Protein backbone atom coordinates (compact mmCIF):
# COMPACT_ATOMS: atom_id res chain seq x y z
CA MET A 1 0.00 0.00 0.00
CA ASP A 2 2.21 2.84 -1.28
CA TRP A 3 -0.53 5.50 -1.50
CA GLN A 4 1.29 7.81 -3.94
CA LEU A 5 4.71 7.32 -2.43
CA GLY A 6 7.21 9.63 -4.05
CA ASN A 7 10.75 8.39 -3.49
CA SER A 8 13.60 10.58 -4.69
CA THR A 9 16.19 8.50 -2.80
CA PRO A 10 18.05 5.44 -4.13
CA TYR A 11 16.71 3.33 -1.26
CA ALA A 12 13.85 0.85 -1.06
CA ALA A 13 10.78 2.29 0.64
CA THR A 14 7.12 1.64 1.31
CA THR A 15 4.16 3.07 3.20
CA THR A 16 1.24 1.27 4.77
CA LEU A 17 -1.59 1.70 7.23
CA ALA A 18 -1.11 -0.05 10.59
CA ALA A 19 -2.65 -0.01 14.05
CA ASP A 20 -1.01 0.26 17.47
CA ARG A 21 -1.71 -1.80 20.58
CA ASP A 22 -4.94 0.05 21.28
CA GLY A 23 -6.18 0.09 17.69
CA HIS A 24 -5.18 3.66 16.87
CA ASP A 25 -4.34 4.20 13.20
CA ILE A 26 -0.68 4.57 12.25
CA TRP A 27 0.73 5.72 8.91
CA LEU A 28 3.93 3.72 8.63
CA THR A 29 6.81 4.61 6.34
CA VAL A 30 9.74 2.18 6.05
CA VAL A 31 13.05 2.92 4.31
CA LYS A 32 15.77 0.35 3.67
CA ALA A 33 19.26 1.44 2.56
CA THR A 34 21.95 -0.99 1.39
CA PHE A 35 25.68 -0.20 1.32
CA ASP A 36 28.87 -1.94 0.25
CA LEU A 37 31.59 -2.41 2.87
CA ALA A 38 35.29 -2.21 1.96
CA ALA A 39 38.27 -3.80 3.69
CA ASP A 40 39.50 -0.36 4.81
CA GLY A 41 36.16 0.44 6.48
CA GLY A 42 34.74 2.42 3.60
CA VAL A 43 30.96 2.54 3.20
CA SER A 44 29.44 3.26 -0.21
CA LEU A 45 25.99 3.03 -1.77
CA ALA A 46 25.26 -0.44 -3.17
CA ALA A 47 24.17 -0.72 -6.78
CA GLN A 48 21.45 -3.17 -5.82
CA GLN A 49 19.19 -2.25 -2.92
CA MET A 50 17.68 -4.98 -0.75
CA PRO A 51 13.86 -5.03 -0.74
CA ILE A 52 11.50 -4.40 2.16
CA VAL A 53 10.63 -7.64 3.99
CA ARG A 54 6.88 -7.86 4.60
CA ALA A 55 6.67 -11.16 6.52
CA PRO A 56 9.10 -13.33 8.50
CA VAL A 57 11.27 -15.66 6.41
CA PHE A 58 12.49 -18.97 7.87
CA ALA A 59 15.17 -21.40 6.74
CA GLY A 60 12.62 -24.25 6.79
CA ASP A 61 9.81 -25.33 9.11
CA PRO A 62 9.11 -22.24 11.28
CA ALA A 63 8.72 -24.50 14.32
CA ARG A 64 12.24 -25.89 14.05
CA SER A 65 14.41 -23.63 11.91
CA SER A 66 16.21 -20.31 12.07
CA LEU A 67 14.56 -17.01 11.27
CA LEU A 68 16.41 -15.63 8.24
CA ALA A 69 14.66 -12.26 8.04
CA GLU A 70 12.13 -10.49 10.24
CA SER A 71 9.36 -8.35 8.84
CA ASP A 72 10.19 -4.67 8.42
CA ILE A 73 6.49 -3.79 8.71
CA ASP A 74 5.89 -3.25 12.44
CA TYR A 75 4.22 -0.15 13.81
CA ALA A 76 6.85 0.34 16.52
CA LYS A 77 10.13 -0.92 17.88
CA GLY A 78 11.42 -0.50 21.41
CA GLY A 79 14.99 0.22 20.32
CA VAL A 80 17.55 -0.64 17.64
CA ASP A 81 18.49 -4.15 16.50
CA VAL A 82 22.07 -4.88 15.46
CA LEU A 83 22.22 -8.16 13.54
CA VAL A 84 24.97 -10.13 11.81
CA GLN A 85 24.21 -12.89 9.33
CA GLY A 86 26.82 -14.92 7.53
CA SER A 87 29.45 -17.54 8.27
CA VAL A 88 32.49 -18.02 10.42
CA GLN A 89 35.60 -17.86 8.26
CA VAL A 90 38.88 -19.28 9.49
CA PRO A 91 41.80 -16.96 8.54
CA ASN A 92 43.58 -18.00 5.34
CA ARG A 93 41.23 -21.00 5.17
CA GLN A 94 43.69 -23.00 7.26
CA PRO A 95 41.63 -25.73 9.01
CA ARG A 96 41.40 -25.49 12.77
CA SER A 97 39.16 -27.01 15.41
CA GLU A 98 38.15 -23.80 17.24
CA LEU A 99 37.93 -20.08 16.59
CA VAL A 100 36.75 -17.11 18.64
CA VAL A 101 34.53 -14.70 16.72
CA GLY A 102 33.34 -11.35 17.94
CA LEU A 103 31.01 -8.42 17.46
CA GLU A 104 31.64 -5.03 19.05
CA VAL A 105 29.24 -2.09 18.82
CA ASP A 106 30.38 1.18 20.39
CA GLY A 107 32.42 -0.66 22.99
CA ARG A 108 29.87 -3.36 23.80
CA ARG A 109 31.58 -6.64 22.98
CA LYS A 110 30.16 -10.12 22.37
CA LEU A 111 32.48 -13.11 21.95
CA LEU A 112 31.49 -16.59 20.81
CA GLN A 113 33.59 -19.71 20.41
CA VAL A 114 32.94 -21.71 17.26
CA CYS A 115 34.23 -25.21 16.66
CA GLY A 116 34.13 -27.88 14.00
CA GLU A 117 31.61 -30.68 13.83
CA ARG A 118 31.28 -32.74 17.00
CA PHE A 119 28.88 -35.30 18.47
CA TRP A 120 27.64 -36.51 21.83
CA THR A 121 29.62 -39.54 23.01
CA ARG A 122 29.87 -41.75 26.09
CA ARG A 123 32.73 -40.87 28.45
CA GLY A 124 32.62 -43.32 31.29
CA LEU A 125 29.22 -42.86 32.90
CA ALA A 126 28.72 -39.41 31.43
CA VAL A 127 27.62 -38.12 28.03
CA ALA A 128 29.86 -35.39 26.63
CA ALA A 129 30.70 -33.72 23.35
CA SER A 130 33.47 -35.28 21.28
CA GLU A 131 36.57 -33.38 20.25
CA PRO A 132 35.72 -31.03 17.38
CA MET A 133 36.84 -31.80 13.86
CA PRO A 134 38.87 -29.20 11.91
CA PHE A 135 36.84 -26.74 9.85
CA THR A 136 37.31 -23.68 7.65
CA THR A 137 33.81 -22.21 7.60
CA LEU A 138 30.48 -22.64 9.40
CA PRO A 139 27.16 -20.84 8.92
CA LEU A 140 26.26 -18.63 11.88
CA ALA A 141 22.90 -20.34 12.23
CA TRP A 142 20.90 -21.13 15.36
CA GLU A 143 20.89 -24.77 14.26
CA HIS A 144 24.51 -24.98 15.47
CA ALA A 145 23.80 -23.49 18.92
CA PHE A 146 22.39 -25.09 22.06
CA GLY A 147 18.66 -25.78 22.10
CA GLY A 148 16.32 -27.87 19.99
CA PHE A 149 13.84 -30.67 20.64
CA ASP A 150 14.25 -33.74 22.81
CA PRO A 151 14.96 -36.68 20.45
CA LEU A 152 12.02 -38.63 21.92
CA GLU A 153 9.69 -35.61 21.97
CA ASP A 154 8.39 -36.28 25.49
CA GLY A 155 11.22 -34.17 26.88
CA GLY A 156 9.86 -31.05 25.27
CA HIS A 157 11.97 -28.39 23.61
CA ASP A 158 14.05 -25.36 24.45
CA MET A 159 11.95 -22.37 23.42
CA ARG A 160 14.99 -20.10 23.61
CA ASN A 161 16.16 -21.85 20.43
CA PRO A 162 13.91 -24.62 19.05
CA ALA A 163 16.19 -24.84 16.00
CA GLY A 164 19.26 -25.84 18.00
CA CYS A 165 20.80 -29.05 19.27
CA GLY A 166 21.70 -30.53 22.65
CA HIS A 167 18.40 -30.32 24.53
CA ALA A 168 17.19 -33.58 26.08
CA ARG A 169 15.54 -34.70 29.29
CA ASP A 170 17.92 -37.67 29.42
CA PRO A 171 21.47 -37.01 28.12
CA ALA A 172 21.69 -40.61 26.91
CA ARG A 173 19.19 -39.73 24.20
CA LEU A 174 21.78 -37.45 22.65
CA LEU A 175 24.33 -40.17 21.88
CA ASP A 176 25.73 -39.88 18.34
CA ARG A 177 23.70 -36.74 17.69
CA PRO A 178 25.26 -33.35 16.79
CA ALA A 179 26.57 -31.25 19.66
CA PRO A 180 26.49 -27.43 19.69
CA GLN A 181 29.28 -25.78 17.72
CA ILE A 182 28.56 -22.15 18.68
CA VAL A 183 28.70 -21.14 22.35
CA TYR A 184 29.44 -18.04 24.41
CA LEU A 185 33.16 -17.87 25.12
CA ASP A 186 32.55 -17.83 28.88
CA GLU A 187 30.22 -20.86 28.72
CA VAL A 188 32.37 -23.30 26.74
CA ASN A 189 32.21 -25.94 29.48
CA HIS A 190 28.67 -25.23 30.67
CA PRO A 191 26.35 -28.29 30.39
CA HIS A 192 23.38 -26.13 29.39
CA PRO A 193 24.76 -22.95 27.81
CA ARG A 194 22.67 -20.07 26.56
CA PRO A 195 21.80 -20.27 22.86
CA ALA A 196 24.53 -18.28 21.12
CA GLY A 197 24.30 -16.43 17.83
CA PHE A 198 24.25 -13.07 16.10
CA GLY A 199 21.12 -13.50 13.96
CA PRO A 200 17.44 -12.69 14.53
CA VAL A 201 15.29 -14.42 17.15
CA ALA A 202 11.82 -15.54 16.03
CA ARG A 203 8.67 -14.12 17.58
CA HIS A 204 7.64 -17.40 19.19
CA TRP A 205 11.05 -17.93 20.83
CA GLN A 206 11.89 -16.87 24.36
CA PRO A 207 12.57 -14.37 25.76
CA ARG A 208 10.99 -12.44 22.87
CA ALA A 209 7.62 -14.17 23.15
CA GLY A 210 7.44 -13.00 26.76
CA TRP A 211 6.86 -9.42 25.59
CA ALA A 212 3.73 -10.41 23.61
CA GLY A 213 1.38 -9.99 26.57
CA THR A 214 -1.32 -12.13 28.15
CA TYR A 215 -3.88 -13.82 25.94
CA ASP A 216 -6.34 -15.11 28.56
CA GLN A 217 -10.11 -15.18 28.95
CA ALA A 218 -10.15 -11.54 30.07
CA TRP A 219 -8.37 -10.58 26.85
CA GLN A 220 -10.89 -12.56 24.79
CA ASP A 221 -13.81 -10.95 26.61
CA ASP A 222 -12.57 -7.36 26.72
CA ARG A 223 -9.79 -6.73 24.15
CA LEU A 224 -9.99 -9.09 21.17
CA PRO A 225 -9.02 -8.26 18.38
CA LEU A 226 -6.71 -5.66 19.97
CA LEU A 227 -3.36 -6.56 21.50
CA PRO A 228 -3.30 -7.21 25.28
CA THR A 229 -2.88 -4.25 27.61
CA ASP A 230 0.42 -5.73 28.82
CA PHE A 231 1.83 -6.05 25.29
CA ASP A 232 5.34 -4.55 25.25
CA GLU A 233 6.75 -3.00 22.07
CA ARG A 234 10.08 -4.65 22.82
CA PHE A 235 8.39 -7.69 21.27
CA PHE A 236 9.26 -6.19 17.88
CA LEU A 237 13.00 -6.30 18.65
CA ALA A 238 14.42 -9.33 16.83
CA ALA A 239 18.09 -9.22 17.85
CA PRO A 240 19.45 -11.29 20.74
CA ALA A 241 19.10 -9.29 23.97
CA ASP A 242 22.81 -8.42 24.06
CA GLN A 243 22.55 -6.90 20.56
CA GLN A 244 19.65 -4.56 21.33
CA PHE A 245 20.25 -0.85 21.88
CA GLN A 246 18.01 1.95 23.05
CA GLN A 247 19.69 3.98 20.32
CA LEU A 248 23.06 4.06 18.58
CA GLN A 249 25.53 6.88 18.97
CA PRO A 250 26.11 8.99 15.84
CA HIS A 251 28.62 7.27 13.55
CA ALA A 252 28.56 4.15 15.75
CA LEU A 253 31.69 2.03 15.37
CA ILE A 254 31.12 -1.64 14.57
CA ARG A 255 33.90 -4.23 14.63
CA LEU A 256 33.68 -7.87 13.55
CA ALA A 257 36.26 -10.63 13.94
CA GLY A 258 36.28 -14.00 12.22
CA MET A 259 33.30 -13.40 9.96
CA SER A 260 34.61 -11.70 6.82
CA PRO A 261 37.00 -12.61 4.00
CA TRP A 262 39.45 -10.15 5.54
CA GLY A 263 39.36 -11.72 9.00
CA ALA A 264 38.63 -8.44 10.80
CA LEU A 265 36.21 -5.77 9.64
CA SER A 266 35.46 -2.38 11.16
CA PHE A 267 33.39 0.54 9.94
CA ARG A 268 31.21 3.39 11.14
CA VAL A 269 27.47 3.41 10.55
CA PRO A 270 26.58 6.33 8.26
CA ARG A 271 23.85 8.73 9.30
CA LEU A 272 21.09 9.26 6.77
CA ALA A 273 19.30 12.61 6.74
CA LEU A 274 15.91 11.30 5.65
CA GLY A 275 12.72 13.31 5.62
CA ILE A 276 9.08 12.50 4.94
CA HIS A 277 6.36 14.88 3.78
CA VAL A 278 2.87 13.45 4.33
CA ARG A 279 -0.04 15.18 2.60
CA ILE A 280 -3.33 14.99 4.49
CA GLY A 281 -5.91 17.03 2.64
CA ARG A 282 -4.50 20.55 2.41
CA GLU A 283 -2.08 19.96 5.25
CA GLU A 284 1.52 18.79 4.84
CA ILE A 285 3.29 17.17 7.78
CA TYR A 286 7.07 16.76 7.98
CA ARG A 287 8.50 13.71 9.76
CA ARG A 288 11.97 12.22 10.37
CA PRO A 289 12.35 8.42 10.21
CA VAL A 290 14.46 6.83 12.94
CA LEU A 291 16.95 3.98 12.69
CA ARG A 292 15.44 0.63 13.66
CA THR A 293 17.73 -2.09 12.36
CA VAL A 294 21.40 -2.45 11.46
CA LEU A 295 22.12 -5.63 9.51
CA VAL A 296 25.70 -6.60 8.68
CA LEU A 297 26.36 -9.21 6.00
CA PRO A 298 30.14 -9.78 6.30
CA ASP A 299 30.24 -11.84 3.14
CA PRO A 300 29.21 -10.40 0.61
CA CYS A 301 30.26 -7.34 2.65
CA LYS A 302 26.97 -5.45 2.85
CA LEU A 303 25.46 -3.09 5.42
CA VAL A 304 21.68 -2.68 5.51
CA LEU A 305 20.03 0.12 7.51
CA THR A 306 16.29 0.12 8.08
CA TYR A 307 14.57 3.35 9.12
CA ALA A 308 10.90 3.86 9.90
CA ASP A 309 8.39 6.49 10.95
CA ALA A 310 5.06 5.74 12.63
CA MET A 311 2.74 8.74 12.35
CA PRO A 312 -0.55 8.66 14.30
CA CYS A 313 -3.38 9.28 11.84
CA THR A 314 -6.61 8.30 13.60
CA GLY A 315 -9.47 10.18 11.96
CA ALA A 316 -7.32 11.16 9.00
CA LYS A 317 -6.39 7.90 7.28
CA TYR A 318 -8.91 8.37 4.48
CA ARG A 319 -7.57 11.87 3.77
CA ILE A 320 -3.94 10.83 3.25
CA GLU A 321 -3.13 11.77 -0.33
CA GLY A 322 0.53 10.85 -0.54
CA THR A 323 3.98 10.65 1.02
CA GLU A 324 7.23 12.11 -0.29
CA LEU A 325 10.54 10.62 0.84
CA ILE A 326 13.60 12.83 0.53
CA GLU A 327 17.25 12.72 1.55
CA LYS A 328 19.08 15.93 2.28
CA ARG A 329 22.52 14.32 2.30
CA MET A 330 24.33 11.40 3.88
CA LEU A 331 26.09 12.53 7.04
CA GLN A 332 29.45 10.77 7.09
C-alpha cells in the first residue's frame, strides 16, 4: 500500500496503514538502505538495494528452523536491533578445530567460540561432546547453537532456540547426535549454555515471546481483536538481547572478527538525513524516520540500515493523499 509514495532517494521504501496496541491508526513509512563495505572500512551506496521484507522468512519449518529475516512492517520498535548474518571464516582457510569470533558495537563486545563438527559420546558414565573436527567455515545459524527438541519428543523443547541441538531430558538420548558448535566464550564448558548467535530471534522464541502480553479469557472478553494491555513493544526487537540498543551513537563504530573474507572488519554506521512529507488534505506534515535495524552481512560485505516512521493518523487515514521521501545528504 504505497498510496502515492514519491521516493527521490536510491533506497527501497514503502508506506502502509497499521494499528497500534490500542487500535489507533498509524501511517507507517519504512526505508531500507543498502551499502557496500570495503576492507578499509569504507561505506558506499550499493548498486542493488535490498527489498523491504513484509513477513518473517524462515530457513525451513518455522517451528524448528532459524529465522532468516524479520518483517520490516511493524508499527513500533522499542529500540535498535544490530544483527549479523553470515558464516564463520577461518583466517587463510587454514583448518582449525576452534575459533573465537566477535562483534563489538560502540564498545559493547560479544564473543562466541565456534568449533568444527562434534557429536555426543559416552565418556565413562557421562555423556559429553566429542573433540571437534577441523573446519574452515560454518554458517552462523541457530541450528549450530544449544537448544532444539528432545529426540524422543516427550522431553519437550528449548523455546529459547527450538532450532538448536543438545536439549534432552535424558542425556543418553543425545548419543551420536550433533553437539552445539557455537557457544558463548565464557560458557564453553557449561552443560546447558545459553543459545549463542548473532542472527534474529523468532517471535515465538523466548525471551521475545514474553513481551507479547497475556492472551487469557479476560483478553478474549474485553480486548480481542486488539493486543493485550500488557503487550510490550520490545516484542518487535528481533536481535538477541545483548545486541539490542536503546539507540546508537552517531557514527557508531562496529567491529567484527572471524566473519569476513578479511578476518577483521570495522566501519562506522553512516547517518542518513531522511525526511518525509505526508499530505493529508491541504495539510503537509514533515517527519523524520528513525533507525530501527542495522544488519551486517560480512560476506558479501553489505550493510543494511532500516529506518521507519510511525505517524498517528486516527481520523485522518482516508484523507492521506501521498507521502514524499527525501534525503538531504548522507552525514558521514
